[in-house]
N, C-alpha and C. Protein backbone atom coordinates (compact mmCIF):
# COMPACT_ATOMS: atom_id res chain seq x y z
N ASP A 1 172.82 65.52 144.08
CA ASP A 1 172.89 64.83 145.35
C ASP A 1 174.37 64.63 145.69
N HIS A 2 174.84 65.33 146.70
CA HIS A 2 176.26 65.28 147.08
C HIS A 2 176.67 63.90 147.56
N ASP A 3 175.78 63.18 148.24
CA ASP A 3 176.11 61.82 148.68
C ASP A 3 176.35 60.92 147.48
N PHE A 4 175.48 61.01 146.47
CA PHE A 4 175.63 60.21 145.27
C PHE A 4 176.97 60.51 144.58
N ILE A 5 177.28 61.77 144.41
CA ILE A 5 178.51 62.18 143.74
C ILE A 5 179.74 61.69 144.50
N SER A 6 179.69 61.71 145.83
CA SER A 6 180.84 61.25 146.61
C SER A 6 181.03 59.74 146.53
N GLU A 7 179.99 58.99 146.19
CA GLU A 7 180.06 57.53 146.13
C GLU A 7 180.29 56.99 144.73
N VAL A 8 179.99 57.77 143.70
CA VAL A 8 179.94 57.25 142.34
C VAL A 8 181.29 56.78 141.81
N ARG A 9 181.25 55.68 141.09
CA ARG A 9 182.45 55.15 140.43
C ARG A 9 182.73 55.99 139.19
N ARG A 10 183.97 56.35 139.00
CA ARG A 10 184.40 57.16 137.86
C ARG A 10 183.65 58.50 137.80
N PRO A 11 183.80 59.34 138.80
CA PRO A 11 183.08 60.61 138.82
C PRO A 11 183.49 61.59 137.72
N GLY A 12 184.61 61.35 137.05
CA GLY A 12 185.05 62.24 135.99
C GLY A 12 184.48 61.93 134.62
N ARG A 13 183.67 60.88 134.50
CA ARG A 13 183.15 60.52 133.17
C ARG A 13 182.19 61.59 132.66
N PRO A 14 182.04 61.69 131.34
CA PRO A 14 181.30 62.81 130.74
C PRO A 14 179.88 63.03 131.28
N GLU A 15 179.12 61.95 131.48
CA GLU A 15 177.73 62.14 131.93
C GLU A 15 177.63 62.71 133.33
N MET A 16 178.73 62.70 134.07
CA MET A 16 178.73 63.27 135.41
C MET A 16 179.14 64.74 135.41
N ASN A 17 179.67 65.22 134.27
CA ASN A 17 180.25 66.56 134.27
C ASN A 17 179.82 67.47 133.12
N LEU A 18 179.36 66.91 132.04
CA LEU A 18 179.09 67.72 130.85
C LEU A 18 177.60 67.70 130.50
N ALA A 19 176.93 68.79 130.80
CA ALA A 19 175.49 68.85 130.54
C ALA A 19 175.18 68.66 129.06
N GLY A 20 175.97 69.24 128.19
CA GLY A 20 175.74 69.11 126.75
C GLY A 20 175.84 67.67 126.28
N TYR A 21 176.78 66.93 126.85
CA TYR A 21 176.92 65.51 126.52
C TYR A 21 175.63 64.76 126.87
N ASN A 22 175.09 65.05 128.04
CA ASN A 22 173.86 64.38 128.47
C ASN A 22 172.68 64.71 127.57
N VAL A 23 172.60 65.94 127.12
CA VAL A 23 171.49 66.32 126.23
C VAL A 23 171.50 65.44 124.99
N VAL A 24 172.66 65.31 124.36
CA VAL A 24 172.75 64.48 123.15
C VAL A 24 172.54 63.01 123.49
N MET A 25 173.20 62.52 124.51
CA MET A 25 173.10 61.10 124.87
C MET A 25 171.66 60.70 125.18
N PHE A 26 170.96 61.51 125.95
CA PHE A 26 169.60 61.15 126.32
C PHE A 26 168.59 61.42 125.21
N LYS A 27 169.01 62.08 124.15
CA LYS A 27 168.12 62.33 123.01
C LYS A 27 168.16 61.23 121.96
N LYS A 28 169.06 60.27 122.10
CA LYS A 28 169.17 59.19 121.11
C LYS A 28 167.80 58.59 120.82
N ILE A 29 167.09 58.22 121.86
CA ILE A 29 165.78 57.58 121.68
C ILE A 29 164.81 58.51 120.96
N ASP A 30 164.91 59.81 121.22
CA ASP A 30 164.04 60.78 120.55
C ASP A 30 164.35 60.85 119.06
N PHE A 31 165.63 60.86 118.72
CA PHE A 31 166.02 60.92 117.31
C PHE A 31 165.49 59.71 116.55
N VAL A 32 165.65 58.53 117.14
CA VAL A 32 165.20 57.30 116.48
C VAL A 32 163.67 57.26 116.42
N ALA A 33 163.01 57.64 117.50
CA ALA A 33 161.54 57.64 117.52
C ALA A 33 160.98 58.64 116.50
N GLN A 34 161.61 59.80 116.40
CA GLN A 34 161.16 60.80 115.42
C GLN A 34 161.34 60.29 113.99
N ALA A 35 162.46 59.64 113.72
CA ALA A 35 162.68 59.06 112.38
C ALA A 35 161.63 57.99 112.09
N ALA A 36 161.29 57.18 113.09
CA ALA A 36 160.28 56.14 112.91
C ALA A 36 158.89 56.75 112.67
N LYS A 37 158.61 57.80 113.39
CA LYS A 37 157.31 58.47 113.26
C LYS A 37 157.16 59.13 111.88
N GLU A 38 158.19 59.83 111.43
CA GLU A 38 158.13 60.52 110.14
C GLU A 38 158.32 59.55 108.97
N ASN A 39 159.17 58.57 109.12
CA ASN A 39 159.42 57.51 108.16
C ASN A 39 159.44 58.00 106.70
N VAL A 40 160.28 58.95 106.42
CA VAL A 40 160.34 59.56 105.09
C VAL A 40 160.84 58.59 104.01
N PHE A 41 161.52 57.51 104.39
CA PHE A 41 162.02 56.55 103.40
C PHE A 41 161.20 55.27 103.37
N ASN A 42 160.06 55.27 104.07
CA ASN A 42 159.17 54.10 104.11
C ASN A 42 159.93 52.85 104.58
N SER A 43 160.67 53.00 105.68
CA SER A 43 161.48 51.92 106.23
C SER A 43 160.67 51.08 107.21
N LYS A 44 161.09 49.83 107.39
CA LYS A 44 160.43 48.95 108.36
C LYS A 44 161.05 49.08 109.74
N MET A 45 162.37 49.30 109.78
CA MET A 45 163.07 49.35 111.06
C MET A 45 163.97 50.58 111.13
N PHE A 46 164.28 50.96 112.38
CA PHE A 46 165.09 52.15 112.64
C PHE A 46 166.08 51.84 113.75
N PHE A 47 167.32 52.31 113.58
CA PHE A 47 168.38 52.01 114.54
C PHE A 47 169.21 53.23 114.85
N TRP A 48 169.72 53.26 116.06
CA TRP A 48 170.73 54.23 116.46
C TRP A 48 172.07 53.52 116.41
N VAL A 49 173.07 54.18 115.83
CA VAL A 49 174.44 53.69 115.83
C VAL A 49 175.32 54.85 116.27
N ASP A 50 176.04 54.68 117.37
CA ASP A 50 176.94 55.73 117.84
C ASP A 50 177.98 56.04 116.76
N ALA A 51 178.25 57.30 116.56
CA ALA A 51 179.20 57.73 115.54
C ALA A 51 180.60 57.19 115.81
N GLY A 52 180.93 56.92 117.05
CA GLY A 52 182.27 56.44 117.38
C GLY A 52 182.47 54.95 117.19
N TYR A 53 181.44 54.22 116.81
CA TYR A 53 181.60 52.78 116.63
C TYR A 53 182.67 52.49 115.60
N GLY A 54 183.53 51.59 115.96
CA GLY A 54 184.60 51.20 115.08
C GLY A 54 185.83 52.04 115.24
N HIS A 55 185.67 53.28 115.67
CA HIS A 55 186.81 54.19 115.85
C HIS A 55 187.76 54.13 114.66
N GLY A 56 187.19 53.90 113.47
CA GLY A 56 187.98 53.89 112.24
C GLY A 56 188.68 52.58 111.99
N SER A 57 189.55 52.16 112.89
CA SER A 57 190.37 50.98 112.63
C SER A 57 189.55 49.69 112.57
N LEU A 58 188.48 49.60 113.33
CA LEU A 58 187.66 48.38 113.32
C LEU A 58 186.84 48.25 112.04
N MET A 59 186.70 49.32 111.29
CA MET A 59 185.89 49.27 110.08
C MET A 59 186.73 49.00 108.84
N ARG A 60 188.04 48.81 108.99
CA ARG A 60 188.88 48.50 107.84
C ARG A 60 188.42 47.18 107.23
N GLY A 61 188.46 47.09 105.94
CA GLY A 61 188.04 45.86 105.28
C GLY A 61 186.55 45.79 105.01
N PHE A 62 185.81 46.84 105.35
CA PHE A 62 184.37 46.86 105.12
C PHE A 62 184.01 47.55 103.81
N GLN A 63 185.01 48.01 103.06
CA GLN A 63 184.72 48.73 101.83
C GLN A 63 183.89 47.84 100.91
N GLY A 64 182.86 48.45 100.31
CA GLY A 64 182.00 47.72 99.38
C GLY A 64 180.95 46.86 100.05
N GLN A 65 180.90 46.86 101.38
CA GLN A 65 179.90 46.07 102.11
C GLN A 65 178.88 46.98 102.76
N ALA A 66 177.65 46.55 102.74
CA ALA A 66 176.62 47.26 103.49
C ALA A 66 176.77 46.86 104.96
N TRP A 67 176.67 47.83 105.82
CA TRP A 67 176.71 47.55 107.26
C TRP A 67 175.60 48.35 107.93
N PRO A 68 174.85 47.74 108.83
CA PRO A 68 174.90 46.33 109.23
C PRO A 68 174.28 45.43 108.18
N ASP A 69 174.61 44.16 108.25
CA ASP A 69 174.05 43.17 107.34
C ASP A 69 172.55 43.05 107.62
N PHE A 70 171.72 43.47 106.66
CA PHE A 70 170.29 43.55 106.87
C PHE A 70 169.67 42.17 107.14
N ALA A 71 170.13 41.14 106.46
CA ALA A 71 169.56 39.80 106.67
C ALA A 71 169.81 39.33 108.10
N LYS A 72 171.03 39.53 108.60
CA LYS A 72 171.36 39.14 109.98
C LYS A 72 170.49 39.90 110.98
N LEU A 73 170.39 41.19 110.77
CA LEU A 73 169.63 42.03 111.67
C LEU A 73 168.14 41.69 111.64
N SER A 74 167.62 41.44 110.46
CA SER A 74 166.19 41.11 110.32
C SER A 74 165.82 39.85 111.08
N ARG A 75 166.72 38.87 111.09
CA ARG A 75 166.44 37.62 111.82
C ARG A 75 166.40 37.85 113.32
N ALA A 76 167.08 38.87 113.79
CA ALA A 76 167.20 39.10 115.24
C ALA A 76 166.11 40.00 115.81
N VAL A 77 165.48 40.82 114.99
CA VAL A 77 164.57 41.84 115.50
C VAL A 77 163.15 41.32 115.60
N ASP A 78 162.51 41.62 116.71
CA ASP A 78 161.12 41.26 116.99
C ASP A 78 160.27 42.52 116.78
N PRO A 79 159.16 42.43 116.03
CA PRO A 79 158.38 43.64 115.75
C PRO A 79 157.71 44.27 116.98
N HIS A 80 157.71 43.57 118.11
CA HIS A 80 157.02 44.07 119.30
C HIS A 80 157.96 44.51 120.41
N ARG A 81 159.26 44.38 120.18
CA ARG A 81 160.22 44.72 121.22
C ARG A 81 161.40 45.49 120.64
N MET A 82 161.97 46.38 121.45
CA MET A 82 163.15 47.10 121.04
C MET A 82 164.36 46.17 121.12
N TYR A 83 165.17 46.20 120.11
CA TYR A 83 166.35 45.36 120.03
C TYR A 83 167.55 46.12 120.59
N ILE A 84 168.31 45.44 121.45
CA ILE A 84 169.52 46.03 122.01
C ILE A 84 170.48 44.90 122.37
N LEU A 85 171.75 45.17 122.26
CA LEU A 85 172.75 44.16 122.62
C LEU A 85 173.04 44.22 124.11
N SER A 86 173.17 43.03 124.71
CA SER A 86 173.61 42.99 126.11
C SER A 86 175.07 42.59 126.12
N ILE A 87 175.80 43.13 127.06
CA ILE A 87 177.24 42.83 127.15
C ILE A 87 177.54 41.88 128.31
N ARG A 88 176.57 41.69 129.17
CA ARG A 88 176.69 40.72 130.26
C ARG A 88 175.28 40.31 130.64
N ASP A 89 175.18 39.26 131.44
CA ASP A 89 173.87 38.82 131.88
C ASP A 89 173.23 39.90 132.73
N LEU A 90 171.93 40.09 132.53
CA LEU A 90 171.21 41.08 133.33
C LEU A 90 170.91 40.48 134.70
N ASP A 91 171.13 41.26 135.72
CA ASP A 91 170.88 40.82 137.09
C ASP A 91 169.66 41.57 137.60
N ASN A 92 168.53 40.89 137.68
CA ASN A 92 167.28 41.54 138.09
C ASN A 92 167.33 42.07 139.51
N ARG A 93 168.29 41.64 140.30
CA ARG A 93 168.43 42.18 141.66
C ARG A 93 168.76 43.67 141.61
N ASP A 94 169.42 44.10 140.52
CA ASP A 94 169.75 45.51 140.38
C ASP A 94 168.49 46.38 140.28
N CYS A 95 167.38 45.79 139.85
CA CYS A 95 166.13 46.55 139.73
C CYS A 95 165.63 47.02 141.09
N HIS A 96 166.03 46.33 142.14
CA HIS A 96 165.56 46.69 143.48
C HIS A 96 166.37 47.82 144.10
N ASN A 97 167.50 48.16 143.50
CA ASN A 97 168.31 49.26 144.00
C ASN A 97 169.02 49.93 142.83
N LEU A 98 168.25 50.66 142.04
CA LEU A 98 168.82 51.33 140.88
C LEU A 98 169.90 52.34 141.26
N ARG A 99 169.70 53.00 142.39
CA ARG A 99 170.69 53.99 142.81
C ARG A 99 172.06 53.35 142.96
N ASP A 100 172.12 52.18 143.58
CA ASP A 100 173.38 51.49 143.77
C ASP A 100 173.98 51.08 142.42
N MET A 101 173.14 50.63 141.51
CA MET A 101 173.61 50.27 140.18
C MET A 101 174.20 51.49 139.47
N PHE A 102 173.54 52.63 139.62
CA PHE A 102 174.03 53.87 139.00
C PHE A 102 175.35 54.30 139.65
N VAL A 103 175.48 54.16 140.98
CA VAL A 103 176.72 54.50 141.69
C VAL A 103 177.87 53.65 141.15
N LYS A 104 177.62 52.36 140.95
CA LYS A 104 178.67 51.44 140.49
C LYS A 104 178.92 51.56 138.99
N HIS A 105 178.07 52.30 138.28
CA HIS A 105 178.17 52.43 136.82
C HIS A 105 178.23 51.04 136.20
N LYS A 106 177.27 50.20 136.62
CA LYS A 106 177.23 48.79 136.20
C LYS A 106 176.33 48.67 134.97
N SER A 107 176.94 48.65 133.81
CA SER A 107 176.17 48.58 132.57
C SER A 107 176.00 47.14 132.12
N SER A 108 174.84 46.86 131.57
CA SER A 108 174.55 45.53 131.03
C SER A 108 174.21 45.58 129.56
N MET A 109 173.96 46.77 129.04
CA MET A 109 173.52 46.93 127.65
C MET A 109 174.49 47.82 126.89
N ALA A 110 174.53 47.63 125.59
CA ALA A 110 175.34 48.47 124.72
C ALA A 110 174.43 49.52 124.09
N GLY A 111 174.35 50.69 124.69
CA GLY A 111 173.43 51.73 124.24
C GLY A 111 173.83 52.41 122.94
N GLY A 112 174.96 52.04 122.37
CA GLY A 112 175.40 52.64 121.13
C GLY A 112 174.79 52.02 119.89
N PHE A 113 174.04 50.93 120.06
CA PHE A 113 173.39 50.27 118.93
C PHE A 113 172.08 49.67 119.42
N PHE A 114 170.97 50.27 119.03
CA PHE A 114 169.66 49.77 119.41
C PHE A 114 168.64 50.20 118.37
N GLY A 115 167.48 49.58 118.41
CA GLY A 115 166.44 49.98 117.47
C GLY A 115 165.39 48.92 117.29
N GLY A 116 164.75 48.96 116.12
CA GLY A 116 163.70 48.00 115.81
C GLY A 116 162.57 48.64 115.03
N TYR A 117 161.41 48.08 115.21
CA TYR A 117 160.20 48.55 114.53
C TYR A 117 159.65 49.78 115.26
N PRO A 118 158.83 50.59 114.59
CA PRO A 118 158.35 51.84 115.18
C PRO A 118 157.58 51.71 116.49
N ALA A 119 156.63 50.80 116.60
CA ALA A 119 155.77 50.75 117.79
C ALA A 119 156.55 50.60 119.10
N PRO A 120 157.45 49.64 119.22
CA PRO A 120 158.19 49.55 120.49
C PRO A 120 159.12 50.74 120.74
N LEU A 121 159.65 51.34 119.67
CA LEU A 121 160.52 52.51 119.84
C LEU A 121 159.73 53.71 120.35
N LEU A 122 158.53 53.89 119.84
CA LEU A 122 157.70 55.01 120.30
C LEU A 122 157.26 54.80 121.75
N ALA A 123 156.93 53.57 122.10
CA ALA A 123 156.58 53.26 123.50
C ALA A 123 157.78 53.48 124.41
N MET A 124 158.94 53.05 123.94
CA MET A 124 160.16 53.18 124.74
C MET A 124 160.49 54.64 125.02
N ARG A 125 160.28 55.51 124.06
CA ARG A 125 160.63 56.93 124.23
C ARG A 125 159.95 57.52 125.47
N ASP A 126 158.66 57.30 125.63
CA ASP A 126 157.95 57.86 126.78
C ASP A 126 158.41 57.24 128.10
N LEU A 127 158.63 55.95 128.11
CA LEU A 127 159.09 55.27 129.32
C LEU A 127 160.51 55.69 129.69
N TYR A 128 161.33 55.90 128.69
CA TYR A 128 162.72 56.32 128.88
C TYR A 128 162.76 57.69 129.55
N HIS A 129 161.95 58.62 129.07
CA HIS A 129 161.95 59.96 129.67
C HIS A 129 161.35 59.95 131.07
N ALA A 130 160.39 59.09 131.32
CA ALA A 130 159.86 58.95 132.67
C ALA A 130 160.95 58.44 133.62
N ALA A 131 161.77 57.50 133.13
CA ALA A 131 162.87 56.97 133.96
C ALA A 131 163.92 58.04 134.23
N ILE A 132 164.22 58.88 133.24
CA ILE A 132 165.16 59.98 133.47
C ILE A 132 164.63 60.92 134.55
N GLU A 133 163.37 61.30 134.44
CA GLU A 133 162.77 62.19 135.44
C GLU A 133 162.80 61.57 136.83
N LYS A 134 162.53 60.27 136.91
CA LYS A 134 162.52 59.59 138.20
C LYS A 134 163.91 59.57 138.83
N THR A 135 164.93 59.21 138.03
CA THR A 135 166.27 59.11 138.60
C THR A 135 166.84 60.49 138.94
N LEU A 136 166.63 61.46 138.07
CA LEU A 136 167.10 62.81 138.38
C LEU A 136 166.37 63.38 139.59
N GLY A 137 165.08 63.09 139.69
CA GLY A 137 164.30 63.55 140.84
C GLY A 137 164.79 62.93 142.15
N ALA A 138 165.34 61.72 142.05
CA ALA A 138 165.87 61.05 143.23
C ALA A 138 167.32 61.43 143.50
N GLY A 139 167.92 62.23 142.59
CA GLY A 139 169.26 62.75 142.83
C GLY A 139 170.40 61.91 142.28
N TYR A 140 170.13 61.03 141.31
CA TYR A 140 171.24 60.27 140.74
C TYR A 140 171.21 60.26 139.22
N MET A 141 172.39 60.05 138.64
CA MET A 141 172.60 60.19 137.20
C MET A 141 173.56 59.10 136.72
N ASP A 142 173.32 58.58 135.55
CA ASP A 142 174.27 57.70 134.88
C ASP A 142 174.04 57.87 133.38
N ASP A 143 174.43 56.91 132.59
CA ASP A 143 174.35 57.05 131.14
C ASP A 143 173.06 56.46 130.57
N ASP A 144 172.96 56.48 129.24
CA ASP A 144 171.75 55.99 128.57
C ASP A 144 171.52 54.50 128.81
N GLN A 145 172.59 53.71 128.93
CA GLN A 145 172.42 52.28 129.20
C GLN A 145 171.72 52.07 130.54
N ALA A 146 172.08 52.87 131.52
CA ALA A 146 171.47 52.75 132.84
C ALA A 146 169.98 53.12 132.78
N ILE A 147 169.64 54.12 131.97
CA ILE A 147 168.23 54.50 131.82
C ILE A 147 167.47 53.39 131.11
N PHE A 148 168.05 52.81 130.07
CA PHE A 148 167.40 51.67 129.41
C PHE A 148 167.18 50.55 130.43
N TYR A 149 168.16 50.32 131.30
CA TYR A 149 168.01 49.28 132.31
C TYR A 149 166.88 49.62 133.28
N ALA A 150 166.76 50.86 133.66
CA ALA A 150 165.66 51.27 134.55
C ALA A 150 164.31 50.99 133.90
N VAL A 151 164.22 51.23 132.59
CA VAL A 151 162.97 50.92 131.87
C VAL A 151 162.77 49.41 131.82
N TYR A 152 163.83 48.67 131.58
CA TYR A 152 163.75 47.21 131.56
C TYR A 152 163.17 46.67 132.88
N CYS A 153 163.55 47.26 133.98
CA CYS A 153 163.08 46.79 135.29
C CYS A 153 161.56 46.82 135.41
N THR A 154 160.93 47.79 134.79
CA THR A 154 159.47 47.92 134.89
C THR A 154 158.72 47.40 133.65
N HIS A 155 159.43 47.27 132.52
CA HIS A 155 158.80 46.85 131.26
C HIS A 155 159.70 45.87 130.49
N PRO A 156 160.05 44.73 131.09
CA PRO A 156 160.97 43.81 130.41
C PRO A 156 160.44 43.27 129.08
N HIS A 157 159.13 43.24 128.94
CA HIS A 157 158.53 42.73 127.71
C HIS A 157 158.83 43.60 126.48
N LEU A 158 159.31 44.82 126.69
CA LEU A 158 159.62 45.72 125.57
C LEU A 158 161.02 45.52 125.00
N PHE A 159 161.81 44.61 125.57
CA PHE A 159 163.20 44.43 125.17
C PHE A 159 163.44 43.08 124.52
N ARG A 160 164.21 43.09 123.46
CA ARG A 160 164.72 41.88 122.83
C ARG A 160 166.24 42.00 122.89
N PHE A 161 166.86 41.15 123.70
CA PHE A 161 168.31 41.21 123.89
C PHE A 161 169.02 40.18 123.01
N GLU A 162 170.15 40.59 122.54
CA GLU A 162 171.08 39.69 121.85
C GLU A 162 172.37 39.79 122.65
N ARG A 163 172.90 38.66 123.06
CA ARG A 163 174.13 38.68 123.85
C ARG A 163 175.31 38.97 122.92
N CYS A 164 176.02 39.98 123.23
CA CYS A 164 177.18 40.37 122.45
C CYS A 164 178.29 39.35 122.67
N PRO A 165 178.79 38.75 121.61
CA PRO A 165 179.86 37.76 121.82
C PRO A 165 181.13 38.41 122.33
N ARG A 166 181.77 37.73 123.25
CA ARG A 166 183.01 38.27 123.83
C ARG A 166 184.17 38.11 122.86
N ASN A 167 185.10 39.02 122.94
CA ASN A 167 186.32 38.97 122.17
C ASN A 167 187.12 37.74 122.60
N PHE A 168 187.68 37.03 121.63
CA PHE A 168 188.46 35.82 121.88
C PHE A 168 189.58 36.08 122.90
N PHE A 169 190.27 37.21 122.77
CA PHE A 169 191.39 37.50 123.68
C PHE A 169 190.90 37.77 125.10
N CYS A 170 189.72 38.37 125.22
CA CYS A 170 189.18 38.59 126.57
C CYS A 170 188.89 37.26 127.26
N ASP A 171 188.35 36.30 126.50
CA ASP A 171 188.11 34.98 127.07
C ASP A 171 189.43 34.29 127.42
N LEU A 172 190.37 34.35 126.50
CA LEU A 172 191.66 33.70 126.69
C LEU A 172 192.37 34.24 127.93
N LEU A 173 192.33 35.58 128.09
CA LEU A 173 193.02 36.21 129.21
C LEU A 173 192.13 36.44 130.43
N ASN A 174 190.87 36.01 130.33
CA ASN A 174 189.89 36.16 131.41
C ASN A 174 189.73 37.61 131.85
N ILE A 175 189.57 38.51 130.86
CA ILE A 175 189.41 39.94 131.13
C ILE A 175 187.92 40.26 131.22
N SER A 176 187.52 40.87 132.31
CA SER A 176 186.12 41.26 132.46
C SER A 176 186.05 42.59 133.19
N PRO A 177 185.32 43.58 132.70
CA PRO A 177 184.63 43.54 131.40
C PRO A 177 185.64 43.65 130.27
N CYS A 178 185.24 43.13 129.13
CA CYS A 178 186.11 43.13 127.95
C CYS A 178 186.23 44.55 127.41
N TRP A 179 187.43 44.94 126.97
CA TRP A 179 187.68 46.30 126.52
C TRP A 179 186.89 46.68 125.28
N ASP A 180 186.47 45.72 124.46
CA ASP A 180 185.77 46.08 123.23
C ASP A 180 184.29 45.75 123.26
N SER A 181 183.73 45.53 124.44
CA SER A 181 182.31 45.16 124.55
C SER A 181 181.39 46.14 123.86
N TRP A 182 181.70 47.42 123.94
CA TRP A 182 180.81 48.44 123.38
C TRP A 182 180.87 48.47 121.86
N ASN A 183 181.95 47.97 121.28
CA ASN A 183 182.11 48.01 119.83
C ASN A 183 181.74 46.70 119.14
N CYS A 184 181.24 45.72 119.85
CA CYS A 184 180.99 44.42 119.25
C CYS A 184 180.01 44.46 118.07
N PRO A 185 179.05 45.38 117.98
CA PRO A 185 178.17 45.36 116.80
C PRO A 185 178.91 45.53 115.48
N VAL A 186 180.06 46.16 115.52
CA VAL A 186 180.83 46.36 114.28
C VAL A 186 181.12 45.02 113.64
N SER A 187 181.67 44.09 114.39
CA SER A 187 182.00 42.77 113.83
C SER A 187 180.78 41.86 113.82
N TYR A 188 179.92 41.97 114.81
CA TYR A 188 178.76 41.07 114.93
C TYR A 188 177.82 41.20 113.74
N TYR A 189 177.63 42.40 113.24
CA TYR A 189 176.69 42.62 112.14
C TYR A 189 177.38 42.83 110.79
N ARG A 190 178.60 42.38 110.71
CA ARG A 190 179.31 42.37 109.44
C ARG A 190 178.72 41.27 108.57
N GLY A 191 178.68 41.49 107.26
CA GLY A 191 178.16 40.47 106.34
C GLY A 191 178.98 39.19 106.38
N ASP A 192 178.33 38.09 106.07
CA ASP A 192 179.02 36.77 106.07
C ASP A 192 179.98 36.65 104.91
């Protein structure tokens, strides 16, 4: 959709230009759902973690520690809902105009860390792909967080959100959005 492309914020970002990037990004839910379905290690929960989390420097000092801290994560996960971190308050008004939200590239969720028990993940997979088909059919594109948000608009009961704590310096300097919002699971799920 040429109108969408002419209006979109940050038109040079990967999901707007690299088909291969989109294939991998939109397959995250499939990878996690397939692992949950096959469950070769007899696990209770399954999570996606972006390979770029921490970018190396944020993971210093984690040697000898299991990450994420299983006890912390277990307390947060609901067996009936997919767990995902939110980086800002969700604005349900965006549900009434997803195209505008996609144009503004207004993310509310951290799509680099999500998961939970098998049942909600398997349900999410089908709804997620339906949302991709709907948005592409309407001529607009954004990232995986935007697709999760589109699913949230029609199936909010499938989501369990944890608000990602803001970086101290972002609060001090009143920076919004905070530069490290996407990497907060690294420190948030570190062992006590």
